[in-house]
Amino acid sequence: MMHNLEITVQQRPEVLERVLRVTRHRGFKVTQMQMRINDDASMAVELWVEAERAIELLSNQLTKLIDVTQCKVIPAVSLGHAANS
């Protein structure tokens, strides 16, 4: 099953490595990733992941990371509308 996460993180060199490590350790496969720097010097990371596991297992662990300020799961309904656009 495909899932989409919007993650806001502090802009630090090691933050992407931490996010990807937790993603891998929780059994999720990253299929796509986009990143941009926000005006407030934070980074917005959008991850598309694939796994048969519940997405909450990953989002709860990412929220616990010190450099993660927000982790939001994008519902599948929104993904369907984006794909049709």
PDB file of N, CA and C in Angstrom:
ATOM      1  N   MET A   1       0.840  -1.172   0.000  1.00  0.00           N
ATOM      2  CA  MET A   1       0.000   0.000   0.000  1.00  0.00           C
ATOM      3  C   MET A   1       0.893   1.245   0.000  1.00  0.00           C
ATOM      4  N   MET A   2       0.506   2.225  -0.763  1.00  0.00           N
ATOM      5  CA  MET A   2       1.262   3.480  -0.864  1.00  0.00           C
ATOM      6  C   MET A   2       0.749   4.487   0.170  1.00  0.00           C
ATOM      7  N   HIS A   3       1.673   5.237   0.742  1.00  0.00           N
ATOM      8  CA  HIS A   3       1.340   6.278   1.717  1.00  0.00           C
ATOM      9  C   HIS A   3       2.154   7.518   1.382  1.00  0.00           C
ATOM     10  N   ASN A   4       1.637   8.666   1.783  1.00  0.00           N
ATOM     11  CA  ASN A   4       2.327   9.931   1.565  1.00  0.00           C
ATOM     12  C   ASN A   4       2.456  10.651   2.903  1.00  0.00           C
ATOM     13  N   LEU A   5       3.654  11.115   3.209  1.00  0.00           N
ATOM     14  CA  LEU A   5       3.919  11.857   4.441  1.00  0.00           C
ATOM     15  C   LEU A   5       4.476  13.231   4.109  1.00  0.00           C
ATOM     16  N   GLU A   6       3.994  14.240   4.813  1.00  0.00           N
ATOM     17  CA  GLU A   6       4.593  15.576   4.759  1.00  0.00           C
ATOM     18  C   GLU A   6       5.291  15.800   6.088  1.00  0.00           C
ATOM     19  N   ILE A   7       6.599  16.003   6.029  1.00  0.00           N
ATOM     20  CA  ILE A   7       7.410  16.112   7.236  1.00  0.00           C
ATOM     21  C   ILE A   7       8.114  17.461   7.222  1.00  0.00           C
ATOM     22  N   THR A   8       8.017  18.197   8.316  1.00  0.00           N
ATOM     23  CA  THR A   8       8.749  19.456   8.470  1.00  0.00           C
ATOM     24  C   THR A   8       9.867  19.206   9.466  1.00  0.00           C
ATOM     25  N   VAL A   9      11.089  19.539   9.048  1.00  0.00           N
ATOM     26  CA  VAL A   9      12.268  19.264   9.869  1.00  0.00           C
ATOM     27  C   VAL A   9      13.137  20.506   9.976  1.00  0.00           C
ATOM     28  N   GLN A  10      13.980  20.535  10.990  1.00  0.00           N
ATOM     29  CA  GLN A  10      14.976  21.591  11.109  1.00  0.00           C
ATOM     30  C   GLN A  10      16.046  21.344  10.053  1.00  0.00           C
ATOM     31  N   GLN A  11      16.596  22.417   9.542  1.00  0.00           N
ATOM     32  CA  GLN A  11      17.608  22.293   8.495  1.00  0.00           C
ATOM     33  C   GLN A  11      18.957  21.985   9.127  1.00  0.00           C
ATOM     34  N   ARG A  12      19.292  20.680   9.158  1.00  0.00           N
ATOM     35  CA  ARG A  12      20.554  20.200   9.708  1.00  0.00           C
ATOM     36  C   ARG A  12      21.099  19.132   8.781  1.00  0.00           C
ATOM     37  N   PRO A  13      22.408  18.964   8.732  1.00  0.00           N
ATOM     38  CA  PRO A  13      23.004  18.002   7.795  1.00  0.00           C
ATOM     39  C   PRO A  13      22.557  16.555   8.000  1.00  0.00           C
ATOM     40  N   GLU A  14      22.320  16.147   9.236  1.00  0.00           N
ATOM     41  CA  GLU A  14      22.040  14.740   9.509  1.00  0.00           C
ATOM     42  C   GLU A  14      20.556  14.376   9.522  1.00  0.00           C
ATOM     43  N   VAL A  15      19.678  15.342   9.350  1.00  0.00           N
ATOM     44  CA  VAL A  15      18.250  15.071   9.542  1.00  0.00           C
ATOM     45  C   VAL A  15      17.675  14.111   8.491  1.00  0.00           C
ATOM     46  N   LEU A  16      18.059  14.241   7.243  1.00  0.00           N
ATOM     47  CA  LEU A  16      17.547  13.330   6.210  1.00  0.00           C
ATOM     48  C   LEU A  16      17.999  11.900   6.453  1.00  0.00           C
ATOM     49  N   GLU A  17      19.228  11.748   6.889  1.00  0.00           N
ATOM     50  CA  GLU A  17      19.736  10.412   7.203  1.00  0.00           C
ATOM     51  C   GLU A  17      18.918   9.770   8.318  1.00  0.00           C
ATOM     52  N   ARG A  18      18.578  10.540   9.342  1.00  0.00           N
ATOM     53  CA  ARG A  18      17.782  10.006  10.449  1.00  0.00           C
ATOM     54  C   ARG A  18      16.391   9.598   9.986  1.00  0.00           C
ATOM     55  N   VAL A  19      15.756  10.449   9.185  1.00  0.00           N
ATOM     56  CA  VAL A  19      14.409  10.156   8.685  1.00  0.00           C
ATOM     57  C   VAL A  19      14.424   8.889   7.835  1.00  0.00           C
ATOM     58  N   LEU A  20      15.389   8.780   6.945  1.00  0.00           N
ATOM     59  CA  LEU A  20      15.466   7.605   6.077  1.00  0.00           C
ATOM     60  C   LEU A  20      15.812   6.335   6.852  1.00  0.00           C
ATOM     61  N   ARG A  21      16.640   6.458   7.865  1.00  0.00           N
ATOM     62  CA  ARG A  21      17.001   5.293   8.684  1.00  0.00           C
ATOM     63  C   ARG A  21      15.780   4.756   9.434  1.00  0.00           C
ATOM     64  N   VAL A  22      15.002   5.654  10.039  1.00  0.00           N
ATOM     65  CA  VAL A  22      13.791   5.234  10.748  1.00  0.00           C
ATOM     66  C   VAL A  22      12.802   4.609   9.765  1.00  0.00           C
ATOM     67  N   THR A  23      12.684   5.193   8.582  1.00  0.00           N
ATOM     68  CA  THR A  23      11.780   4.665   7.558  1.00  0.00           C
ATOM     69  C   THR A  23      12.175   3.233   7.196  1.00  0.00           C
ATOM     70  N   ARG A  24      13.438   3.003   6.975  1.00  0.00           N
ATOM     71  CA  ARG A  24      13.924   1.668   6.622  1.00  0.00           C
ATOM     72  C   ARG A  24      13.754   0.680   7.780  1.00  0.00           C
ATOM     73  N   HIS A  25      14.084   1.109   8.995  1.00  0.00           N
ATOM     74  CA  HIS A  25      13.989   0.219  10.155  1.00  0.00           C
ATOM     75  C   HIS A  25      12.550  -0.183  10.446  1.00  0.00           C
ATOM     76  N   ARG A  26      11.601   0.648  10.089  1.00  0.00           N
ATOM     77  CA  ARG A  26      10.181   0.339  10.311  1.00  0.00           C
ATOM     78  C   ARG A  26       9.592  -0.495   9.178  1.00  0.00           C
ATOM     79  N   GLY A  27      10.399  -0.834   8.179  1.00  0.00           N
ATOM     80  CA  GLY A  27       9.947  -1.726   7.119  1.00  0.00           C
ATOM     81  C   GLY A  27       9.244  -1.044   5.964  1.00  0.00           C
ATOM     82  N   PHE A  28       9.487   0.244   5.759  1.00  0.00           N
ATOM     83  CA  PHE A  28       8.879   0.988   4.665  1.00  0.00           C
ATOM     84  C   PHE A  28       9.903   1.233   3.566  1.00  0.00           C
ATOM     85  N   LYS A  29       9.451   1.196   2.338  1.00  0.00           N
ATOM     86  CA  LYS A  29      10.313   1.435   1.176  1.00  0.00           C
ATOM     87  C   LYS A  29       9.980   2.810   0.604  1.00  0.00           C
ATOM     88  N   VAL A  30      10.969   3.680   0.497  1.00  0.00           N
ATOM     89  CA  VAL A  30      10.769   5.010  -0.078  1.00  0.00           C
ATOM     90  C   VAL A  30      10.686   4.866  -1.592  1.00  0.00           C
ATOM     91  N   THR A  31       9.580   5.330  -2.171  1.00  0.00           N
ATOM     92  CA  THR A  31       9.413   5.256  -3.613  1.00  0.00           C
ATOM     93  C   THR A  31       9.631   6.604  -4.281  1.00  0.00           C
ATOM     94  N   GLN A  32       9.444   7.675  -3.518  1.00  0.00           N
ATOM     95  CA  GLN A  32       9.681   9.018  -4.060  1.00  0.00           C
ATOM     96  C   GLN A  32       9.890   9.980  -2.896  1.00  0.00           C
ATOM     97  N   MET A  33      10.710  11.016  -3.139  1.00  0.00           N
ATOM     98  CA  MET A  33      10.973  11.997  -2.094  1.00  0.00           C
ATOM     99  C   MET A  33      11.199  13.355  -2.735  1.00  0.00           C
ATOM    100  N   GLN A  34      10.594  14.382  -2.149  1.00  0.00           N
ATOM    101  CA  GLN A  34      10.827  15.759  -2.572  1.00  0.00           C
ATOM    102  C   GLN A  34      11.180  16.573  -1.341  1.00  0.00           C
ATOM    103  N   MET A  35      12.044  17.566  -1.531  1.00  0.00           N
ATOM    104  CA  MET A  35      12.477  18.382  -0.418  1.00  0.00           C
ATOM    105  C   MET A  35      12.597  19.825  -0.869  1.00  0.00           C
ATOM    106  N   ARG A  36      12.210  20.745   0.002  1.00  0.00           N
ATOM    107  CA  ARG A  36      12.385  22.171  -0.286  1.00  0.00           C
ATOM    108  C   ARG A  36      12.681  22.909   1.019  1.00  0.00           C
ATOM    109  N   ILE A  37      13.389  24.005   0.908  1.00  0.00           N
ATOM    110  CA  ILE A  37      13.714  24.824   2.075  1.00  0.00           C
ATOM    111  C   ILE A  37      12.638  25.896   2.204  1.00  0.00           C
ATOM    112  N   ASN A  38      12.053  25.989   3.395  1.00  0.00           N
ATOM    113  CA  ASN A  38      11.014  26.976   3.666  1.00  0.00           C
ATOM    114  C   ASN A  38      11.637  28.330   3.992  1.00  0.00           C
ATOM    115  N   ASP A  39      10.802  29.352   4.042  1.00  0.00           N
ATOM    116  CA  ASP A  39      11.266  30.708   4.356  1.00  0.00           C
ATOM    117  C   ASP A  39      11.836  30.828   5.765  1.00  0.00           C
ATOM    118  N   ASP A  40      11.359  29.991   6.682  1.00  0.00           N
ATOM    119  CA  ASP A  40      11.821  30.068   8.073  1.00  0.00           C
ATOM    120  C   ASP A  40      13.038  29.175   8.341  1.00  0.00           C
ATOM    121  N   ALA A  41      13.732  28.762   7.287  1.00  0.00           N
ATOM    122  CA  ALA A  41      14.954  27.947   7.353  1.00  0.00           C
ATOM    123  C   ALA A  41      14.685  26.504   7.781  1.00  0.00           C
ATOM    124  N   SER A  42      13.428  26.102   7.815  1.00  0.00           N
ATOM    125  CA  SER A  42      13.136  24.686   8.025  1.00  0.00           C
ATOM    126  C   SER A  42      13.051  24.021   6.651  1.00  0.00           C
ATOM    127  N   MET A  43      12.969  22.702   6.639  1.00  0.00           N
ATOM    128  CA  MET A  43      12.844  21.976   5.376  1.00  0.00           C
ATOM    129  C   MET A  43      11.534  21.211   5.372  1.00  0.00           C
ATOM    130  N   ALA A  44      10.890  21.199   4.222  1.00  0.00           N
ATOM    131  CA  ALA A  44       9.684  20.397   4.029  1.00  0.00           C
ATOM    132  C   ALA A  44      10.067  19.189   3.187  1.00  0.00           C
ATOM    133  N   VAL A  45       9.825  18.010   3.726  1.00  0.00           N
ATOM    134  CA  VAL A  45      10.155  16.763   3.042  1.00  0.00           C
ATOM    135  C   VAL A  45       8.841  16.030   2.778  1.00  0.00           C
ATOM    136  N   GLU A  46       8.625  15.670   1.535  1.00  0.00           N
ATOM    137  CA  GLU A  46       7.454  14.883   1.182  1.00  0.00           C
ATOM    138  C   GLU A  46       7.935  13.502   0.779  1.00  0.00           C
ATOM    139  N   LEU A  47       7.467  12.490   1.503  1.00  0.00           N
ATOM    140  CA  LEU A  47       7.886  11.113   1.271  1.00  0.00           C
ATOM    141  C   LEU A  47       6.708  10.282   0.788  1.00  0.00           C
ATOM    142  N   TRP A  48       6.933   9.518  -0.257  1.00  0.00           N
ATOM    143  CA  TRP A  48       5.979   8.505  -0.686  1.00  0.00           C
ATOM    144  C   TRP A  48       6.614   7.180  -0.302  1.00  0.00           C
ATOM    145  N   VAL A  49       5.916   6.402   0.515  1.00  0.00           N
ATOM    146  CA  VAL A  49       6.448   5.134   0.986  1.00  0.00           C
ATOM    147  C   VAL A  49       5.473   4.007   0.660  1.00  0.00           C
ATOM    148  N   GLU A  50       6.040   2.801   0.618  1.00  0.00           N
ATOM    149  CA  GLU A  50       5.244   1.623   0.307  1.00  0.00           C
ATOM    150  C   GLU A  50       5.499   0.564   1.361  1.00  0.00           C
ATOM    151  N   ALA A  51       4.413  -0.036   1.892  1.00  0.00           N
ATOM    152  CA  ALA A  51       4.514  -1.134   2.855  1.00  0.00           C
ATOM    153  C   ALA A  51       3.119  -1.656   3.152  1.00  0.00           C
ATOM    154  N   GLU A  52       3.082  -2.864   3.653  1.00  0.00           N
ATOM    155  CA  GLU A  52       1.814  -3.461   4.086  1.00  0.00           C
ATOM    156  C   GLU A  52       1.506  -3.098   5.540  1.00  0.00           C
ATOM    157  N   ARG A  53       2.424  -2.446   6.190  1.00  0.00           N
ATOM    158  CA  ARG A  53       2.257  -2.077   7.598  1.00  0.00           C
ATOM    159  C   ARG A  53       1.438  -0.797   7.719  1.00  0.00           C
ATOM    160  N   ALA A  54       0.901  -0.558   8.910  1.00  0.00           N
ATOM    161  CA  ALA A  54       0.142   0.657   9.178  1.00  0.00           C
ATOM    162  C   ALA A  54       1.077   1.866   9.146  1.00  0.00           C
ATOM    163  N   ILE A  55       0.660   2.928   8.484  1.00  0.00           N
ATOM    164  CA  ILE A  55       1.493   4.124   8.334  1.00  0.00           C
ATOM    165  C   ILE A  55       1.744   4.802   9.684  1.00  0.00           C
ATOM    166  N   GLU A  56       0.863   4.574  10.653  1.00  0.00           N
ATOM    167  CA  GLU A  56       1.039   5.172  11.978  1.00  0.00           C
ATOM    168  C   GLU A  56       2.299   4.658  12.666  1.00  0.00           C
ATOM    169  N   LEU A  57       2.707   3.435  12.339  1.00  0.00           N
ATOM    170  CA  LEU A  57       3.955   2.905  12.907  1.00  0.00           C
ATOM    171  C   LEU A  57       5.139   3.788  12.527  1.00  0.00           C
ATOM    172  N   LEU A  58       5.132   4.299  11.317  1.00  0.00           N
ATOM    173  CA  LEU A  58       6.214   5.165  10.856  1.00  0.00           C
ATOM    174  C   LEU A  58       6.021   6.600  11.326  1.00  0.00           C
ATOM    175  N   SER A  59       4.826   7.139  11.160  1.00  0.00           N
ATOM    176  CA  SER A  59       4.617   8.553  11.506  1.00  0.00           C
ATOM    177  C   SER A  59       4.842   8.815  12.993  1.00  0.00           C
ATOM    178  N   ASN A  60       4.450   7.884  13.863  1.00  0.00           N
ATOM    179  CA  ASN A  60       4.682   8.062  15.299  1.00  0.00           C
ATOM    180  C   ASN A  60       6.171   8.067  15.628  1.00  0.00           C
ATOM    181  N   GLN A  61       6.955   7.225  14.969  1.00  0.00           N
ATOM    182  CA  GLN A  61       8.393   7.186  15.219  1.00  0.00           C
ATOM    183  C   GLN A  61       9.090   8.429  14.673  1.00  0.00           C
ATOM    184  N   LEU A  62       8.661   8.908  13.504  1.00  0.00           N
ATOM    185  CA  LEU A  62       9.273  10.112  12.937  1.00  0.00           C
ATOM    186  C   LEU A  62       9.001  11.326  13.819  1.00  0.00           C
ATOM    187  N   THR A  63       7.816  11.405  14.385  1.00  0.00           N
ATOM    188  CA  THR A  63       7.462  12.529  15.259  1.00  0.00           C
ATOM    189  C   THR A  63       8.369  12.589  16.481  1.00  0.00           C
ATOM    190  N   LYS A  64       8.877  11.446  16.919  1.00  0.00           N
ATOM    191  CA  LYS A  64       9.754  11.393  18.104  1.00  0.00           C
ATOM    192  C   LYS A  64      11.172  11.893  17.828  1.00  0.00           C
ATOM    193  N   LEU A  65      11.561  11.999  16.559  1.00  0.00           N
ATOM    194  CA  LEU A  65      12.910  12.479  16.246  1.00  0.00           C
ATOM    195  C   LEU A  65      13.054  13.937  16.653  1.00  0.00           C
ATOM    196  N   ILE A  66      14.217  14.279  17.186  1.00  0.00           N
ATOM    197  CA  ILE A  66      14.429  15.612  17.754  1.00  0.00           C
ATOM    198  C   ILE A  66      14.326  16.727  16.701  1.00  0.00           C
ATOM    199  N   ASP A  67      14.736  16.465  15.479  1.00  0.00           N
ATOM    200  CA  ASP A  67      14.734  17.504  14.446  1.00  0.00           C
ATOM    201  C   ASP A  67      13.426  17.596  13.667  1.00  0.00           C
ATOM    202  N   VAL A  68      12.495  16.692  13.935  1.00  0.00           N
ATOM    203  CA  VAL A  68      11.208  16.706  13.234  1.00  0.00           C
ATOM    204  C   VAL A  68      10.238  17.579  14.020  1.00  0.00           C
ATOM    205  N   THR A  69       9.714  18.618  13.365  1.00  0.00           N
ATOM    206  CA  THR A  69       8.765  19.504  14.028  1.00  0.00           C
ATOM    207  C   THR A  69       7.321  19.142  13.704  1.00  0.00           C
ATOM    208  N   GLN A  70       7.091  18.462  12.569  1.00  0.00           N
ATOM    209  CA  GLN A  70       5.741  18.048  12.208  1.00  0.00           C
ATOM    210  C   GLN A  70       5.812  16.860  11.249  1.00  0.00           C
ATOM    211  N   CYS A  71       4.895  15.930  11.417  1.00  0.00           N
ATOM    212  CA  CYS A  71       4.791  14.790  10.510  1.00  0.00           C
ATOM    213  C   CYS A  71       3.303  14.557  10.260  1.00  0.00           C
ATOM    214  N   LYS A  72       2.887  14.740   9.025  1.00  0.00           N
ATOM    215  CA  LYS A  72       1.472  14.649   8.683  1.00  0.00           C
ATOM    216  C   LYS A  72       1.266  13.583   7.616  1.00  0.00           C
ATOM    217  N   VAL A  73       0.316  12.688   7.857  1.00  0.00           N
ATOM    218  CA  VAL A  73      -0.043  11.664   6.878  1.00  0.00           C
ATOM    219  C   VAL A  73      -1.096  12.243   5.955  1.00  0.00           C
ATOM    220  N   ILE A  74      -0.852  12.143   4.645  1.00  0.00           N
ATOM    221  CA  ILE A  74      -1.818  12.617   3.655  1.00  0.00           C
ATOM    222  C   ILE A  74      -2.759  11.456   3.350  1.00  0.00           C
ATOM    223  N   PRO A  75      -4.059  11.640   3.560  1.00  0.00           N
ATOM    224  CA  PRO A  75      -5.006  10.545   3.331  1.00  0.00           C
ATOM    225  C   PRO A  75      -5.004  10.055   1.884  1.00  0.00           C
ATOM    226  N   ALA A  76      -5.352   8.796   1.699  1.00  0.00           N
ATOM    227  CA  ALA A  76      -5.371   8.175   0.377  1.00  0.00           C
ATOM    228  C   ALA A  76      -6.328   8.879  -0.574  1.00  0.00           C
ATOM    229  N   VAL A  77      -7.416   9.456  -0.060  1.00  0.00           N
ATOM    230  CA  VAL A  77      -8.374  10.182  -0.896  1.00  0.00           C
ATOM    231  C   VAL A  77      -7.683  11.352  -1.580  1.00  0.00           C
ATOM    232  N   SER A  78      -6.853  12.083  -0.814  1.00  0.00           N
ATOM    233  CA  SER A  78      -6.117  13.222  -1.379  1.00  0.00           C
ATOM    234  C   SER A  78      -5.124  12.751  -2.442  1.00  0.00           C
ATOM    235  N   LEU A  79      -4.522  11.599  -2.229  1.00  0.00           N
ATOM    236  CA  LEU A  79      -3.569  11.060  -3.200  1.00  0.00           C
ATOM    237  C   LEU A  79      -4.269  10.744  -4.505  1.00  0.00           C
ATOM    238  N   GLY A  80      -5.483  10.225  -4.433  1.00  0.00           N
ATOM    239  CA  GLY A  80      -6.233   9.901  -5.641  1.00  0.00           C
ATOM    240  C   GLY A  80      -6.559  11.146  -6.445  1.00  0.00           C
ATOM    241  N   HIS A  81      -6.930  12.229  -5.767  1.00  0.00           N
ATOM    242  CA  HIS A  81      -7.215  13.482  -6.460  1.00  0.00           C
ATOM    243  C   HIS A  81      -5.963  14.058  -7.100  1.00  0.00           C
ATOM    244  N   ALA A  82      -4.818  13.947  -6.411  1.00  0.00           N
ATOM    245  CA  ALA A  82      -3.552  14.471  -6.954  1.00  0.00           C
ATOM    246  C   ALA A  82      -3.130  13.684  -8.180  1.00  0.00           C
ATOM    247  N   ALA A  83      -3.360  12.393  -8.167  1.00  0.00           N
ATOM    248  CA  ALA A  83      -2.959  11.559  -9.301  1.00  0.00           C
ATOM    249  C   ALA A  83      -3.809  11.826 -10.532  1.00  0.00           C
ATOM    250  N   ASN A  84      -5.069  12.224 -10.298  1.00  0.00           N
ATOM    251  CA  ASN A  84      -5.963  12.500 -11.415  1.00  0.00           C
ATOM    252  C   ASN A  84      -5.793  13.887 -11.989  1.00  0.00           C
ATOM    253  N   SER A  85      -5.090  14.769 -11.279  1.00  0.00           N
ATOM    254  CA  SER A  85      -4.911  16.156 -11.748  1.00  0.00           C
ATOM    255  C   SER A  85      -3.931  16.243 -12.877  1.00  0.00           C
TER     256      SER A  85
END
